[in-house]
Amino acid sequence: MRIVALTAMLLGMGWGIAWAGDPPCDKYPPAKQAKCAAVWKELNQEDGPLISQFGLAQLKRREEGKINAEQHLAENMTFIKQSTQKRLERLRARMEKE
C-alpha cells in the first residue's frame, strides 16, 4: 500500500510541477493551445511507467537504508526537473510538426 501511495504521489508531483508557474502551452497562439494541451497530456501518460519505476526503485533504496530522507528528496527533485525538461523538449518538437 505504501508503494502505491508513493507512486501516486510521485506521479502527481511530477505532473504538478510541470504545470506550476508557467504552463507549457501558454506560449502558443490560442488556436494551438488545445492541441498543445492534448500532446502534453499524452507525453505525461507516456512517461508514467518510467516515473513509477524510478519511484519504486528509490523507495526500495530508502527502505534498505542506502539513501536518507534528504537524499531521497534531492533525487526526486532532480528527476522531476530532468524528466519535465525532456517532456518540454518533446512537446516543442511535436508542436513544430503541427
Protein backbone atom coordinates (compact mmCIF):
# COMPACT_ATOMS: atom_id res chain seq x y z
CA MET A 1 0.00 0.00 0.00
CA ARG A 2 2.82 2.39 0.85
CA ILE A 3 4.41 1.77 -2.55
CA VAL A 4 1.16 2.56 -4.36
CA ALA A 5 0.72 5.77 -2.36
CA LEU A 6 4.31 6.88 -3.02
CA THR A 7 4.00 6.10 -6.72
CA ALA A 8 0.76 8.07 -6.98
CA MET A 9 2.34 10.96 -5.10
CA LEU A 10 5.41 10.95 -7.33
CA LEU A 11 3.32 10.86 -10.47
CA GLY A 12 1.12 13.67 -9.23
CA MET A 13 4.08 15.70 -8.07
CA GLY A 14 5.86 15.34 -11.39
CA TRP A 15 2.85 16.43 -13.36
CA GLY A 16 2.00 19.20 -10.91
CA ILE A 17 5.45 20.72 -11.14
CA ALA A 18 5.33 20.50 -14.90
CA TRP A 19 2.26 22.76 -14.84
CA ALA A 20 3.37 25.02 -12.00
CA GLY A 21 4.18 28.64 -12.69
CA ASP A 22 4.36 28.69 -16.48
CA PRO A 23 2.12 26.14 -18.21
CA PRO A 24 3.91 24.97 -21.37
CA CYS A 25 1.02 25.70 -23.71
CA ASP A 26 0.60 29.36 -22.74
CA LYS A 27 3.30 30.41 -25.19
CA TYR A 28 1.36 29.05 -28.17
CA PRO A 29 -1.33 31.01 -30.01
CA PRO A 30 -4.85 30.40 -28.67
CA ALA A 31 -5.73 28.32 -31.74
CA LYS A 32 -2.94 25.83 -30.93
CA GLN A 33 -3.33 25.68 -27.15
CA ALA A 34 -5.92 22.87 -27.16
CA LYS A 35 -3.67 20.71 -29.37
CA CYS A 36 -0.71 21.53 -27.16
CA ALA A 37 -2.63 20.51 -24.04
CA ALA A 38 -3.59 17.20 -25.65
CA VAL A 39 0.03 16.50 -26.66
CA TRP A 40 1.24 17.45 -23.16
CA LYS A 41 -1.24 15.02 -21.62
CA GLU A 42 -0.04 12.25 -23.97
CA LEU A 43 3.58 12.90 -23.04
CA ASN A 44 2.74 12.67 -19.34
CA GLN A 45 0.93 9.38 -19.90
CA GLU A 46 3.84 8.01 -21.94
CA ASP A 47 6.27 8.82 -19.13
CA GLY A 48 4.06 7.47 -16.34
CA PRO A 49 5.66 3.99 -16.26
CA LEU A 50 9.19 5.45 -16.19
CA ILE A 51 8.26 7.78 -13.34
CA SER A 52 6.69 4.92 -11.41
CA GLN A 53 9.74 2.74 -11.96
CA PHE A 54 12.02 5.48 -10.62
CA GLY A 55 9.80 5.98 -7.57
CA LEU A 56 9.69 2.29 -6.74
CA ALA A 57 13.44 1.85 -7.14
CA GLN A 58 14.08 4.88 -4.97
CA LEU A 59 11.67 3.66 -2.30
CA LYS A 60 13.46 0.32 -2.24
CA ARG A 61 16.82 2.06 -1.77
CA ARG A 62 15.33 4.17 1.02
CA GLU A 63 13.89 1.16 2.82
CA GLU A 64 17.25 -0.63 2.51
CA GLY A 65 18.96 2.35 4.13
CA LYS A 66 21.00 3.19 1.04
CA ILE A 67 19.70 6.77 0.98
CA ASN A 68 18.32 9.06 3.68
CA ALA A 69 15.32 11.41 3.56
CA GLU A 70 17.38 14.37 2.37
CA GLN A 71 18.94 12.36 -0.46
CA HIS A 72 15.52 10.97 -1.35
CA LEU A 73 14.05 14.47 -1.71
CA ALA A 74 17.05 15.79 -3.64
CA GLU A 75 16.93 12.86 -6.07
CA ASN A 76 13.17 13.32 -6.51
CA MET A 77 13.57 16.98 -7.37
CA THR A 78 16.43 16.29 -9.80
CA PHE A 79 14.49 13.51 -11.51
CA ILE A 80 11.33 15.60 -11.79
CA LYS A 81 13.24 18.56 -13.22
CA GLN A 82 15.07 16.42 -15.78
CA SER A 83 12.03 14.41 -16.84
CA THR A 84 9.93 17.57 -17.17
CA GLN A 85 12.61 19.22 -19.29
CA LYS A 86 12.68 16.18 -21.59
CA ARG A 87 8.88 16.28 -21.93
CA LEU A 88 9.03 20.00 -22.73
CA GLU A 89 11.58 19.31 -25.48
CA ARG A 90 9.38 16.55 -26.91
CA LEU A 91 6.36 18.88 -26.72
CA ARG A 92 8.23 21.55 -28.67
CA ALA A 93 9.27 19.01 -31.32
CA ARG A 94 5.74 17.67 -31.75
CA MET A 95 4.21 21.14 -31.88
CA GLU A 96 6.69 22.16 -34.58
CA LYS A 97 5.28 19.37 -36.74
CA GLU A 98 1.76 20.76 -36.35
